[in-house]
Amino acid sequence: MVKPIIQLEGVNKEFGKGKNTVAALKDVNLEIEAGDFIAVLGPSGCGKSTLLHVMSGLEAPSSGRVLVDAVDVTLISERDLPKVRAQKIGFVFQSFLLVEHLTAYENIESVLWPRSDLTKTEQENRTLSVLREVDMLERRDHFPKQLSGGEQQRIAIGRALVNDPPILFCDEPTGNLDSKTGENILKIIAQLNRERKMTVVLVTHNHDIAKFAKQTLNMKDGVIR
């Protein structure tokens, strides 16, 4: 029996207190197998980005358990959680979140700087390999402001890949891109799922984007339907 790489057990997430409490996630139970490509589809405000943040350990659930590659991230200390995320998770955001004063190359390589188990040469080789994979090697010395939106998202994907994590989370990764550029980004993500066997969880409000996934989960009012 194949063990799921992501498990959510009775997960709830609330914001605010008292009468101002908002339930973003309501008793979510979910299993995702290694190598899946899942799209979580739902309107704005339905809780899908919160779901992604809780899955990835960026936010703690109010209650319930979250297991990522057999590790219960709800039990890990704030100090150790970034190490676990770096090993197991790549995250692609809608707004790119590149560091403006770093080149494309440096934005990717910077993820590896804290790692003492890699030599400088190994870090360089990993970074160059990822730049080739996202077809941005020729733009390696450009700063984010010199890149188009699609190019910036390619670098953001490269940054998410450089640690070779088994899981890739994508939060509306084409939201700031035109349709043609967005389709090219989605093809890269689908290729990573197919060739690297990466588990991909993508959230979107767009049915056409969800079609790139192998399976679609519908979400409404904090509940997976």
N, C-alpha and C. Protein backbone atom coordinates (compact mmCIF):
# COMPACT_ATOMS: atom_id res chain seq x y z
N MET A 1 0.84 -1.20 0.00
CA MET A 1 0.00 0.00 0.00
C MET A 1 0.87 1.25 0.00
N VAL A 2 0.60 2.16 -0.92
CA VAL A 2 1.39 3.38 -1.03
C VAL A 2 1.01 4.34 0.09
N LYS A 3 2.02 4.81 0.83
CA LYS A 3 1.76 5.78 1.90
C LYS A 3 1.64 7.18 1.31
N PRO A 4 0.70 7.95 1.79
CA PRO A 4 0.57 9.33 1.28
C PRO A 4 1.77 10.17 1.70
N ILE A 5 2.16 11.08 0.83
CA ILE A 5 3.27 11.98 1.15
C ILE A 5 2.77 13.19 1.93
N ILE A 6 1.47 13.49 1.81
CA ILE A 6 0.85 14.57 2.58
C ILE A 6 -0.43 14.02 3.21
N GLN A 7 -0.58 14.24 4.52
CA GLN A 7 -1.79 13.83 5.23
C GLN A 7 -2.28 14.98 6.10
N LEU A 8 -3.55 15.29 6.00
CA LEU A 8 -4.20 16.23 6.90
C LEU A 8 -5.29 15.48 7.65
N GLU A 9 -5.24 15.57 8.97
CA GLU A 9 -6.19 14.84 9.81
C GLU A 9 -6.93 15.82 10.70
N GLY A 10 -8.21 16.03 10.41
CA GLY A 10 -9.04 16.91 11.24
C GLY A 10 -8.50 18.31 11.38
N VAL A 11 -8.02 18.88 10.29
CA VAL A 11 -7.35 20.18 10.35
C VAL A 11 -8.36 21.33 10.34
N ASN A 12 -8.22 22.19 11.32
CA ASN A 12 -9.00 23.43 11.40
C ASN A 12 -8.04 24.60 11.49
N LYS A 13 -8.43 25.71 10.90
CA LYS A 13 -7.64 26.94 11.00
C LYS A 13 -8.59 28.11 11.20
N GLU A 14 -8.39 28.81 12.32
CA GLU A 14 -9.23 29.95 12.64
C GLU A 14 -8.38 31.20 12.79
N PHE A 15 -8.96 32.32 12.39
CA PHE A 15 -8.33 33.63 12.56
C PHE A 15 -9.25 34.49 13.43
N GLY A 16 -8.64 35.32 14.28
CA GLY A 16 -9.44 36.20 15.13
C GLY A 16 -9.87 35.50 16.41
N LYS A 17 -10.63 36.23 17.23
CA LYS A 17 -11.10 35.70 18.51
C LYS A 17 -12.55 36.09 18.75
N GLY A 18 -13.20 35.26 19.56
CA GLY A 18 -14.57 35.57 19.97
C GLY A 18 -15.52 35.70 18.80
N LYS A 19 -16.30 36.77 18.82
CA LYS A 19 -17.28 37.00 17.77
C LYS A 19 -16.64 37.29 16.42
N ASN A 20 -15.36 37.67 16.46
CA ASN A 20 -14.65 37.99 15.22
C ASN A 20 -13.91 36.80 14.63
N THR A 21 -14.12 35.62 15.20
CA THR A 21 -13.44 34.43 14.70
C THR A 21 -13.94 34.05 13.30
N VAL A 22 -12.98 33.79 12.41
CA VAL A 22 -13.29 33.33 11.06
C VAL A 22 -12.67 31.95 10.87
N ALA A 23 -13.48 30.97 10.48
CA ALA A 23 -12.99 29.61 10.25
C ALA A 23 -12.57 29.48 8.79
N ALA A 24 -11.25 29.48 8.56
CA ALA A 24 -10.73 29.38 7.19
C ALA A 24 -10.69 27.94 6.70
N LEU A 25 -10.41 26.99 7.62
CA LEU A 25 -10.42 25.57 7.29
C LEU A 25 -11.29 24.85 8.32
N LYS A 26 -12.12 23.93 7.84
CA LYS A 26 -13.07 23.27 8.73
C LYS A 26 -12.94 21.75 8.61
N ASP A 27 -12.28 21.16 9.60
CA ASP A 27 -12.18 19.70 9.72
C ASP A 27 -11.76 19.05 8.39
N VAL A 28 -10.63 19.51 7.86
CA VAL A 28 -10.14 19.00 6.57
C VAL A 28 -9.37 17.70 6.78
N ASN A 29 -9.78 16.67 6.07
CA ASN A 29 -9.08 15.39 6.03
C ASN A 29 -8.68 15.12 4.58
N LEU A 30 -7.40 14.89 4.37
CA LEU A 30 -6.91 14.79 2.99
C LEU A 30 -5.65 13.95 2.93
N GLU A 31 -5.55 13.11 1.92
CA GLU A 31 -4.34 12.34 1.66
C GLU A 31 -3.91 12.54 0.21
N ILE A 32 -2.63 12.82 0.01
CA ILE A 32 -2.08 13.02 -1.32
C ILE A 32 -0.89 12.08 -1.49
N GLU A 33 -0.92 11.25 -2.52
CA GLU A 33 0.15 10.29 -2.75
C GLU A 33 1.33 10.92 -3.47
N ALA A 34 2.50 10.35 -3.26
CA ALA A 34 3.71 10.82 -3.93
C ALA A 34 3.53 10.75 -5.44
N GLY A 35 3.93 11.82 -6.13
CA GLY A 35 3.85 11.86 -7.59
C GLY A 35 2.54 12.40 -8.12
N ASP A 36 1.58 12.69 -7.24
CA ASP A 36 0.32 13.27 -7.69
C ASP A 36 0.52 14.72 -8.14
N PHE A 37 -0.40 15.19 -8.97
CA PHE A 37 -0.50 16.61 -9.33
C PHE A 37 -1.93 17.00 -9.04
N ILE A 38 -2.11 17.70 -7.93
CA ILE A 38 -3.44 18.05 -7.44
C ILE A 38 -3.69 19.54 -7.62
N ALA A 39 -4.84 19.89 -8.16
CA ALA A 39 -5.28 21.28 -8.19
C ALA A 39 -6.41 21.45 -7.18
N VAL A 40 -6.28 22.46 -6.32
CA VAL A 40 -7.35 22.81 -5.39
C VAL A 40 -8.05 24.02 -6.00
N LEU A 41 -9.29 23.83 -6.39
CA LEU A 41 -10.03 24.83 -7.14
C LEU A 41 -11.12 25.45 -6.27
N GLY A 42 -11.17 26.78 -6.28
CA GLY A 42 -12.22 27.44 -5.52
C GLY A 42 -12.14 28.94 -5.66
N PRO A 43 -13.21 29.65 -5.29
CA PRO A 43 -13.23 31.11 -5.41
C PRO A 43 -12.32 31.77 -4.39
N SER A 44 -12.06 33.05 -4.59
CA SER A 44 -11.27 33.81 -3.64
C SER A 44 -11.94 33.80 -2.28
N GLY A 45 -11.12 33.60 -1.23
CA GLY A 45 -11.65 33.60 0.12
C GLY A 45 -12.19 32.29 0.60
N CYS A 46 -12.04 31.22 -0.20
CA CYS A 46 -12.60 29.92 0.20
C CYS A 46 -11.68 29.15 1.15
N GLY A 47 -10.43 29.62 1.30
CA GLY A 47 -9.50 28.96 2.21
C GLY A 47 -8.39 28.18 1.52
N LYS A 48 -8.33 28.23 0.19
CA LYS A 48 -7.37 27.39 -0.51
C LYS A 48 -5.92 27.80 -0.27
N SER A 49 -5.63 29.10 -0.20
CA SER A 49 -4.26 29.53 0.09
C SER A 49 -3.89 29.20 1.53
N THR A 50 -4.86 29.34 2.44
CA THR A 50 -4.61 28.94 3.83
C THR A 50 -4.30 27.45 3.91
N LEU A 51 -5.03 26.65 3.14
CA LEU A 51 -4.77 25.21 3.09
C LEU A 51 -3.34 24.94 2.66
N LEU A 52 -2.88 25.63 1.64
CA LEU A 52 -1.53 25.44 1.13
C LEU A 52 -0.49 25.84 2.19
N HIS A 53 -0.74 26.96 2.87
CA HIS A 53 0.19 27.43 3.89
C HIS A 53 0.26 26.46 5.07
N VAL A 54 -0.87 25.88 5.43
CA VAL A 54 -0.88 24.91 6.53
C VAL A 54 -0.18 23.62 6.11
N MET A 55 -0.44 23.17 4.88
CA MET A 55 0.23 21.97 4.37
C MET A 55 1.74 22.11 4.40
N SER A 56 2.21 23.30 4.06
CA SER A 56 3.64 23.52 3.89
C SER A 56 4.35 23.94 5.18
N GLY A 57 3.59 24.11 6.25
CA GLY A 57 4.19 24.52 7.50
C GLY A 57 4.43 26.01 7.63
N LEU A 58 3.96 26.80 6.65
CA LEU A 58 4.09 28.25 6.75
C LEU A 58 3.15 28.81 7.82
N GLU A 59 2.05 28.11 8.07
CA GLU A 59 1.13 28.48 9.14
C GLU A 59 0.77 27.22 9.91
N ALA A 60 0.59 27.37 11.21
CA ALA A 60 0.19 26.24 12.04
C ALA A 60 -1.33 26.12 12.06
N PRO A 61 -1.88 24.91 12.04
CA PRO A 61 -3.33 24.76 12.16
C PRO A 61 -3.78 25.10 13.58
N SER A 62 -5.02 25.49 13.73
CA SER A 62 -5.58 25.70 15.07
C SER A 62 -5.76 24.38 15.79
N SER A 63 -6.06 23.32 15.03
CA SER A 63 -6.16 21.97 15.57
C SER A 63 -5.98 20.97 14.43
N GLY A 64 -5.69 19.72 14.79
CA GLY A 64 -5.48 18.70 13.78
C GLY A 64 -4.01 18.43 13.54
N ARG A 65 -3.74 17.47 12.67
CA ARG A 65 -2.36 17.07 12.37
C ARG A 65 -2.06 17.25 10.90
N VAL A 66 -0.81 17.61 10.60
CA VAL A 66 -0.33 17.75 9.23
C VAL A 66 0.96 16.96 9.11
N LEU A 67 0.96 15.92 8.29
CA LEU A 67 2.15 15.11 8.07
C LEU A 67 2.65 15.33 6.65
N VAL A 68 3.93 15.67 6.54
CA VAL A 68 4.57 15.90 5.26
C VAL A 68 5.72 14.92 5.13
N ASP A 69 5.61 13.98 4.19
CA ASP A 69 6.62 12.94 4.01
C ASP A 69 6.89 12.23 5.33
N ALA A 70 5.81 11.88 6.02
CA ALA A 70 5.82 11.12 7.28
C ALA A 70 6.29 11.92 8.49
N VAL A 71 6.51 13.22 8.33
CA VAL A 71 6.92 14.08 9.44
C VAL A 71 5.74 14.94 9.86
N ASP A 72 5.38 14.88 11.14
CA ASP A 72 4.29 15.69 11.67
C ASP A 72 4.81 17.10 11.91
N VAL A 73 4.52 18.01 10.99
CA VAL A 73 5.08 19.37 11.08
C VAL A 73 4.45 20.17 12.21
N THR A 74 3.31 19.70 12.74
CA THR A 74 2.68 20.41 13.85
C THR A 74 3.45 20.20 15.16
N LEU A 75 4.36 19.24 15.19
CA LEU A 75 5.13 18.95 16.40
C LEU A 75 6.54 19.53 16.36
N ILE A 76 6.90 20.15 15.24
CA ILE A 76 8.26 20.65 15.08
C ILE A 76 8.36 22.09 15.61
N SER A 77 9.46 22.40 16.26
CA SER A 77 9.65 23.73 16.83
C SER A 77 9.81 24.77 15.73
N GLU A 78 9.53 26.02 16.07
CA GLU A 78 9.69 27.12 15.11
C GLU A 78 11.13 27.21 14.62
N ARG A 79 12.08 26.86 15.48
CA ARG A 79 13.49 26.93 15.12
C ARG A 79 13.86 25.88 14.07
N ASP A 80 13.29 24.68 14.20
CA ASP A 80 13.66 23.57 13.30
C ASP A 80 12.79 23.49 12.06
N LEU A 81 11.63 24.13 12.07
CA LEU A 81 10.70 24.01 10.95
C LEU A 81 11.28 24.49 9.62
N PRO A 82 12.03 25.60 9.56
CA PRO A 82 12.61 26.02 8.28
C PRO A 82 13.52 24.97 7.66
N LYS A 83 14.25 24.21 8.49
CA LYS A 83 15.12 23.16 7.97
C LYS A 83 14.31 22.06 7.29
N VAL A 84 13.21 21.69 7.93
CA VAL A 84 12.34 20.65 7.36
C VAL A 84 11.73 21.12 6.05
N ARG A 85 11.25 22.37 6.04
CA ARG A 85 10.66 22.91 4.81
C ARG A 85 11.69 22.94 3.69
N ALA A 86 12.93 23.32 4.00
CA ALA A 86 13.97 23.39 2.98
C ALA A 86 14.26 22.03 2.36
N GLN A 87 14.14 20.98 3.16
CA GLN A 87 14.43 19.63 2.68
C GLN A 87 13.29 19.02 1.88
N LYS A 88 12.07 19.35 2.25
CA LYS A 88 10.93 18.61 1.72
C LYS A 88 10.01 19.42 0.82
N ILE A 89 10.14 20.76 0.82
CA ILE A 89 9.12 21.58 0.18
C ILE A 89 9.74 22.67 -0.68
N GLY A 90 9.20 22.84 -1.88
CA GLY A 90 9.45 24.02 -2.69
C GLY A 90 8.15 24.79 -2.80
N PHE A 91 8.22 26.12 -2.77
CA PHE A 91 7.00 26.93 -2.78
C PHE A 91 7.11 28.01 -3.85
N VAL A 92 6.11 28.08 -4.74
CA VAL A 92 6.05 29.09 -5.78
C VAL A 92 4.87 30.00 -5.49
N PHE A 93 5.15 31.30 -5.34
CA PHE A 93 4.12 32.27 -4.98
C PHE A 93 3.64 33.02 -6.23
N GLN A 94 2.46 33.59 -6.12
CA GLN A 94 1.90 34.39 -7.21
C GLN A 94 2.77 35.62 -7.50
N SER A 95 3.30 36.23 -6.46
CA SER A 95 4.00 37.51 -6.61
C SER A 95 5.51 37.38 -6.73
N PHE A 96 6.01 36.19 -7.06
CA PHE A 96 7.43 35.91 -7.35
C PHE A 96 8.31 36.00 -6.11
N LEU A 97 8.28 37.13 -5.39
CA LEU A 97 9.06 37.34 -4.16
C LEU A 97 10.56 37.14 -4.37
N LEU A 98 11.07 37.65 -5.48
CA LEU A 98 12.51 37.63 -5.71
C LEU A 98 13.16 38.79 -4.96
N VAL A 99 14.43 38.60 -4.61
CA VAL A 99 15.19 39.66 -3.95
C VAL A 99 15.74 40.60 -5.02
N GLU A 100 15.33 41.86 -4.98
CA GLU A 100 15.61 42.81 -6.06
C GLU A 100 17.10 43.07 -6.28
N HIS A 101 17.91 43.03 -5.22
CA HIS A 101 19.34 43.36 -5.38
C HIS A 101 20.19 42.14 -5.69
N LEU A 102 19.55 40.98 -5.89
CA LEU A 102 20.27 39.78 -6.29
C LEU A 102 19.96 39.44 -7.75
N THR A 103 20.95 38.92 -8.46
CA THR A 103 20.72 38.49 -9.83
C THR A 103 19.85 37.24 -9.85
N ALA A 104 19.43 36.84 -11.04
CA ALA A 104 18.65 35.61 -11.18
C ALA A 104 19.41 34.43 -10.61
N TYR A 105 20.69 34.35 -10.94
CA TYR A 105 21.55 33.28 -10.42
C TYR A 105 21.59 33.32 -8.90
N GLU A 106 21.82 34.49 -8.34
CA GLU A 106 21.96 34.62 -6.88
C GLU A 106 20.65 34.36 -6.15
N ASN A 107 19.52 34.71 -6.77
CA ASN A 107 18.23 34.42 -6.15
C ASN A 107 18.03 32.93 -5.95
N ILE A 108 18.50 32.14 -6.91
CA ILE A 108 18.39 30.69 -6.78
C ILE A 108 19.45 30.15 -5.83
N GLU A 109 20.69 30.56 -6.02
CA GLU A 109 21.79 30.02 -5.22
C GLU A 109 21.65 30.37 -3.74
N SER A 110 21.02 31.50 -3.44
CA SER A 110 20.91 31.95 -2.05
C SER A 110 20.20 30.93 -1.16
N VAL A 111 19.33 30.12 -1.74
CA VAL A 111 18.65 29.07 -0.98
C VAL A 111 19.65 28.06 -0.44
N LEU A 112 20.76 27.90 -1.15
CA LEU A 112 21.76 26.90 -0.77
C LEU A 112 22.83 27.45 0.18
N TRP A 113 22.90 28.75 0.33
CA TRP A 113 23.97 29.34 1.15
C TRP A 113 24.03 28.80 2.57
N PRO A 114 22.89 28.54 3.25
CA PRO A 114 22.98 28.03 4.62
C PRO A 114 23.46 26.59 4.73
N ARG A 115 23.55 25.87 3.62
CA ARG A 115 23.86 24.45 3.68
C ARG A 115 25.37 24.21 3.76
N SER A 116 25.79 23.62 4.86
CA SER A 116 27.20 23.33 5.07
C SER A 116 27.62 22.00 4.45
N ASP A 117 26.63 21.20 3.99
CA ASP A 117 26.95 19.89 3.41
C ASP A 117 27.30 19.98 1.93
N LEU A 118 27.17 21.17 1.33
CA LEU A 118 27.50 21.35 -0.08
C LEU A 118 28.69 22.29 -0.22
N THR A 119 29.64 21.91 -1.07
CA THR A 119 30.75 22.80 -1.36
C THR A 119 30.27 23.93 -2.26
N LYS A 120 31.09 24.95 -2.39
CA LYS A 120 30.74 26.07 -3.27
C LYS A 120 30.54 25.59 -4.70
N THR A 121 31.38 24.68 -5.15
CA THR A 121 31.25 24.14 -6.50
C THR A 121 29.95 23.38 -6.67
N GLU A 122 29.57 22.60 -5.66
CA GLU A 122 28.31 21.86 -5.73
C GLU A 122 27.12 22.81 -5.76
N GLN A 123 27.20 23.89 -4.99
CA GLN A 123 26.13 24.88 -5.03
C GLN A 123 26.04 25.53 -6.41
N GLU A 124 27.17 25.85 -6.99
CA GLU A 124 27.19 26.45 -8.33
C GLU A 124 26.61 25.49 -9.36
N ASN A 125 27.00 24.22 -9.28
CA ASN A 125 26.52 23.23 -10.25
C ASN A 125 25.00 23.03 -10.15
N ARG A 126 24.49 23.00 -8.92
CA ARG A 126 23.05 22.85 -8.73
C ARG A 126 22.31 24.06 -9.31
N THR A 127 22.84 25.24 -9.04
CA THR A 127 22.18 26.46 -9.51
C THR A 127 22.16 26.52 -11.03
N LEU A 128 23.28 26.21 -11.66
CA LEU A 128 23.35 26.23 -13.12
C LEU A 128 22.44 25.18 -13.73
N SER A 129 22.35 24.01 -13.10
CA SER A 129 21.48 22.95 -13.60
C SER A 129 20.02 23.39 -13.57
N VAL A 130 19.61 24.05 -12.48
CA VAL A 130 18.23 24.51 -12.37
C VAL A 130 17.95 25.63 -13.37
N LEU A 131 18.91 26.52 -13.57
CA LEU A 131 18.74 27.59 -14.56
C LEU A 131 18.51 27.01 -15.95
N ARG A 132 19.22 25.94 -16.27
CA ARG A 132 19.01 25.26 -17.56
C ARG A 132 17.61 24.65 -17.61
N GLU A 133 17.19 24.06 -16.52
CA GLU A 133 15.91 23.36 -16.48
C GLU A 133 14.75 24.31 -16.72
N VAL A 134 14.86 25.54 -16.22
CA VAL A 134 13.77 26.52 -16.41
C VAL A 134 14.08 27.46 -17.58
N ASP A 135 15.12 27.10 -18.37
CA ASP A 135 15.47 27.84 -19.59
C ASP A 135 15.78 29.31 -19.31
N MET A 136 16.60 29.54 -18.27
CA MET A 136 16.97 30.91 -17.91
C MET A 136 18.47 31.10 -17.76
N LEU A 137 19.26 30.16 -18.31
CA LEU A 137 20.70 30.24 -18.15
C LEU A 137 21.27 31.51 -18.76
N GLU A 138 20.74 31.91 -19.90
CA GLU A 138 21.26 33.10 -20.57
C GLU A 138 20.90 34.40 -19.85
N ARG A 139 19.96 34.32 -18.91
CA ARG A 139 19.54 35.51 -18.16
C ARG A 139 20.05 35.48 -16.72
N ARG A 140 21.02 34.66 -16.46
CA ARG A 140 21.48 34.41 -15.09
C ARG A 140 22.00 35.67 -14.39
N ASP A 141 22.57 36.61 -15.13
CA ASP A 141 23.16 37.80 -14.53
C ASP A 141 22.22 39.00 -14.49
N HIS A 142 20.97 38.80 -14.87
CA HIS A 142 20.00 39.89 -14.86
C HIS A 142 19.34 40.00 -13.49
N PHE A 143 19.00 41.22 -13.12
CA PHE A 143 18.27 41.47 -11.88
C PHE A 143 16.77 41.36 -12.16
N PRO A 144 15.97 41.10 -11.11
CA PRO A 144 14.52 40.93 -11.34
C PRO A 144 13.86 42.04 -12.15
N LYS A 145 14.25 43.30 -11.93
CA LYS A 145 13.62 44.40 -12.66
C LYS A 145 13.95 44.38 -14.15
N GLN A 146 14.97 43.59 -14.53
CA GLN A 146 15.34 43.47 -15.94
C GLN A 146 14.65 42.28 -16.61
N LEU A 147 13.83 41.55 -15.84
CA LEU A 147 13.17 40.36 -16.35
C LEU A 147 11.67 40.59 -16.50
N SER A 148 11.06 39.90 -17.47
CA SER A 148 9.61 39.95 -17.61
C SER A 148 8.97 39.17 -16.47
N GLY A 149 7.63 39.29 -16.34
CA GLY A 149 6.93 38.54 -15.30
C GLY A 149 7.11 37.04 -15.44
N GLY A 150 7.03 36.54 -16.67
CA GLY A 150 7.22 35.11 -16.90
C GLY A 150 8.62 34.66 -16.54
N GLU A 151 9.62 35.48 -16.86
CA GLU A 151 11.01 35.15 -16.54
C GLU A 151 11.22 35.15 -15.03
N GLN A 152 10.61 36.12 -14.35
CA GLN A 152 10.73 36.15 -12.89
C GLN A 152 10.11 34.90 -12.26
N GLN A 153 8.98 34.45 -12.81
CA GLN A 153 8.35 33.25 -12.26
C GLN A 153 9.19 32.01 -12.55
N ARG A 154 9.87 31.98 -13.67
CA ARG A 154 10.78 30.87 -13.95
C ARG A 154 11.90 30.82 -12.91
N ILE A 155 12.43 31.99 -12.56
CA ILE A 155 13.47 32.04 -11.54
C ILE A 155 12.90 31.61 -10.19
N ALA A 156 11.67 32.03 -9.90
CA ALA A 156 11.02 31.63 -8.65
C ALA A 156 10.84 30.11 -8.59
N ILE A 157 10.50 29.50 -9.72
CA ILE A 157 10.39 28.04 -9.78
C ILE A 157 11.76 27.41 -9.57
N GLY A 158 12.78 27.98 -10.21
CA GLY A 158 14.13 27.47 -10.02
C GLY A 158 14.56 27.53 -8.57
N ARG A 159 14.23 28.61 -7.90
CA ARG A 159 14.55 28.75 -6.48
C ARG A 159 13.86 27.65 -5.65
N ALA A 160 12.62 27.32 -6.03
CA ALA A 160 11.89 26.28 -5.32
C ALA A 160 12.46 24.89 -5.57
N LEU A 161 13.15 24.72 -6.69
CA LEU A 161 13.64 23.39 -7.09
C LEU A 161 15.05 23.09 -6.62
N VAL A 162 15.84 24.11 -6.30
CA VAL A 162 17.28 23.91 -6.17
C VAL A 162 17.66 22.97 -5.03
N ASN A 163 16.82 22.85 -4.02
CA ASN A 163 17.08 21.89 -2.94
C ASN A 163 16.56 20.49 -3.26
N ASP A 164 16.00 20.32 -4.47
CA ASP A 164 15.46 19.05 -4.93
C ASP A 164 14.42 18.47 -3.95
N PRO A 165 13.41 19.26 -3.59
CA PRO A 165 12.39 18.77 -2.65
C PRO A 165 11.44 17.80 -3.33
N PRO A 166 10.82 16.90 -2.57
CA PRO A 166 9.87 15.97 -3.18
C PRO A 166 8.51 16.60 -3.46
N ILE A 167 8.23 17.78 -2.87
CA ILE A 167 6.91 18.39 -2.98
C ILE A 167 7.04 19.83 -3.46
N LEU A 168 6.18 20.20 -4.40
CA LEU A 168 6.13 21.58 -4.90
C LEU A 168 4.73 22.13 -4.66
N PHE A 169 4.64 23.21 -3.87
CA PHE A 169 3.39 23.91 -3.65
C PHE A 169 3.36 25.17 -4.51
N CYS A 170 2.23 25.41 -5.17
CA CYS A 170 2.10 26.56 -6.06
C CYS A 170 0.84 27.33 -5.71
N ASP A 171 1.02 28.59 -5.29
CA ASP A 171 -0.12 29.42 -4.88
C ASP A 171 -0.44 30.42 -5.99
N GLU A 172 -1.45 30.09 -6.80
CA GLU A 172 -1.84 30.94 -7.94
C GLU A 172 -0.62 31.37 -8.75
N PRO A 173 0.20 30.43 -9.24
CA PRO A 173 1.49 30.78 -9.84
C PRO A 173 1.41 31.57 -11.14
N THR A 174 0.23 31.63 -11.75
CA THR A 174 0.08 32.38 -13.00
C THR A 174 -0.78 33.62 -12.82
N GLY A 175 -1.10 33.96 -11.59
CA GLY A 175 -2.03 35.05 -11.31
C GLY A 175 -1.58 36.41 -11.80
N ASN A 176 -0.26 36.63 -11.89
CA ASN A 176 0.26 37.93 -12.34
C ASN A 176 0.80 37.88 -13.77
N LEU A 177 0.38 36.85 -14.52
CA LEU A 177 0.92 36.66 -15.86
C LEU A 177 -0.21 36.67 -16.90
N ASP A 178 0.14 37.03 -18.14
CA ASP A 178 -0.84 36.92 -19.22
C ASP A 178 -1.06 35.45 -19.53
N SER A 179 -2.12 35.16 -20.26
CA SER A 179 -2.55 33.77 -20.45
C SER A 179 -1.49 32.91 -21.14
N LYS A 180 -0.82 33.45 -22.17
CA LYS A 180 0.18 32.66 -22.88
C LYS A 180 1.38 32.36 -22.00
N THR A 181 1.87 33.38 -21.28
CA THR A 181 3.01 33.18 -20.38
C THR A 181 2.62 32.22 -19.26
N GLY A 182 1.40 32.39 -18.74
CA GLY A 182 0.93 31.51 -17.68
C GLY A 182 0.86 30.06 -18.14
N GLU A 183 0.44 29.84 -19.37
CA GLU A 183 0.39 28.47 -19.90
C GLU A 183 1.79 27.86 -19.97
N ASN A 184 2.77 28.66 -20.36
CA ASN A 184 4.15 28.16 -20.41
C ASN A 184 4.66 27.77 -19.02
N ILE A 185 4.30 28.57 -18.00
CA ILE A 185 4.70 28.25 -16.64
C ILE A 185 4.04 26.95 -16.19
N LEU A 186 2.78 26.77 -16.51
CA LEU A 186 2.07 25.55 -16.13
C LEU A 186 2.67 24.32 -16.82
N LYS A 187 3.14 24.49 -18.04
CA LYS A 187 3.78 23.38 -18.75
C LYS A 187 5.08 22.97 -18.05
N ILE A 188 5.81 23.96 -17.53
CA ILE A 188 7.03 23.66 -16.77
C ILE A 188 6.68 22.87 -15.52
N ILE A 189 5.64 23.30 -14.81
CA ILE A 189 5.23 22.62 -13.58
C ILE A 189 4.78 21.19 -13.89
N ALA A 190 4.00 21.02 -14.96
CA ALA A 190 3.55 19.68 -15.34
C ALA A 190 4.72 18.79 -15.74
N GLN A 191 5.72 19.38 -16.38
CA GLN A 191 6.91 18.62 -16.77
C GLN A 191 7.70 18.17 -15.53
N LEU A 192 7.78 19.02 -14.52
CA LEU A 192 8.45 18.66 -13.28
C LEU A 192 7.75 17.48 -12.61
N ASN A 193 6.44 17.52 -12.62
CA ASN A 193 5.66 16.42 -12.06
C ASN A 193 5.90 15.13 -12.84
N ARG A 194 5.96 15.25 -14.14
CA ARG A 194 6.10 14.08 -15.00
C ARG A 194 7.52 13.51 -14.97
N GLU A 195 8.52 14.37 -15.07
CA GLU A 195 9.90 13.90 -15.22
C GLU A 195 10.63 13.73 -13.89
N ARG A 196 10.40 14.64 -12.97
CA ARG A 196 11.04 14.53 -11.65
C ARG A 196 10.22 13.71 -10.67
N LYS A 197 8.98 13.40 -11.07
CA LYS A 197 8.04 12.69 -10.19
C LYS A 197 7.75 13.50 -8.92
N MET A 198 7.82 14.82 -9.05
CA MET A 198 7.52 15.68 -7.91
C MET A 198 6.02 15.68 -7.64
N THR A 199 5.68 15.68 -6.37
CA THR A 199 4.29 15.86 -5.98
C THR A 199 3.97 17.35 -6.07
N VAL A 200 2.93 17.71 -6.80
CA VAL A 200 2.57 19.11 -6.99
C VAL A 200 1.17 19.35 -6.44
N VAL A 201 1.06 20.39 -5.61
CA VAL A 201 -0.24 20.85 -5.14
C VAL A 201 -0.36 22.32 -5.54
N LEU A 202 -1.34 22.61 -6.37
CA LEU A 202 -1.53 23.94 -6.94
C LEU A 202 -2.91 24.45 -6.56
N VAL A 203 -3.00 25.70 -6.12
CA VAL A 203 -4.32 26.27 -5.85
C VAL A 203 -4.63 27.34 -6.89
N THR A 204 -5.89 27.38 -7.30
CA THR A 204 -6.31 28.31 -8.35
C THR A 204 -7.82 28.53 -8.28
N HIS A 205 -8.27 29.62 -8.85
CA HIS A 205 -9.71 29.85 -9.01
C HIS A 205 -10.14 29.61 -10.46
N ASN A 206 -9.16 29.22 -11.31
CA ASN A 206 -9.38 29.14 -12.75
C ASN A 206 -9.52 27.68 -13.20
N HIS A 207 -10.65 27.35 -13.79
CA HIS A 207 -10.89 25.97 -14.24
C HIS A 207 -9.90 25.54 -15.32
N ASP A 208 -9.51 26.45 -16.21
CA ASP A 208 -8.58 26.10 -17.28
C ASP A 208 -7.20 25.73 -16.71
N ILE A 209 -6.79 26.42 -15.66
CA ILE A 209 -5.51 26.10 -15.02
C ILE A 209 -5.60 24.74 -14.33
N ALA A 210 -6.72 24.47 -13.69
CA ALA A 210 -6.90 23.21 -12.98
C ALA A 210 -6.81 22.00 -13.91
N LYS A 211 -7.08 22.21 -15.20
CA LYS A 211 -7.04 21.12 -16.16
C LYS A 211 -5.63 20.55 -16.35
N PHE A 212 -4.60 21.31 -15.98
CA PHE A 212 -3.23 20.81 -16.10
C PHE A 212 -2.93 19.72 -15.06
N ALA A 213 -3.72 19.68 -13.99
CA ALA A 213 -3.49 18.71 -12.92
C ALA A 213 -4.08 17.35 -13.27
N LYS A 214 -3.64 16.33 -12.54
CA LYS A 214 -4.18 14.99 -12.72
C LYS A 214 -5.51 14.83 -11.99
N GLN A 215 -5.67 15.61 -10.92
CA GLN A 215 -6.89 15.51 -10.12
C GLN A 215 -7.25 16.89 -9.58
N THR A 216 -8.54 17.19 -9.54
CA THR A 216 -9.01 18.47 -9.02
C THR A 216 -9.86 18.26 -7.78
N LEU A 217 -9.53 19.03 -6.74
CA LEU A 217 -10.33 19.05 -5.52
C LEU A 217 -11.04 20.40 -5.44
N ASN A 218 -12.32 20.39 -5.23
CA ASN A 218 -13.08 21.63 -5.13
C ASN A 218 -13.19 22.07 -3.67
N MET A 219 -13.02 23.37 -3.45
CA MET A 219 -13.06 23.89 -2.09
C MET A 219 -14.06 25.04 -2.01
N LYS A 220 -14.81 25.05 -0.92
CA LYS A 220 -15.75 26.13 -0.68
C LYS A 220 -15.93 26.31 0.82
N ASP A 221 -15.83 27.56 1.25
CA ASP A 221 -16.04 27.90 2.67
C ASP A 221 -15.23 27.04 3.62
N GLY A 222 -13.96 26.81 3.25
CA GLY A 222 -13.04 26.09 4.14
C GLY A 222 -13.17 24.59 4.14
N VAL A 223 -13.99 24.05 3.22
CA VAL A 223 -14.24 22.61 3.18
C VAL A 223 -13.86 22.06 1.81
N ILE A 224 -13.16 20.92 1.81
CA ILE A 224 -12.87 20.20 0.56
C ILE A 224 -14.10 19.37 0.20
N ARG A 225 -14.58 19.56 -1.04
CA ARG A 225 -15.81 18.86 -1.46
C ARG A 225 -15.51 17.84 -2.56
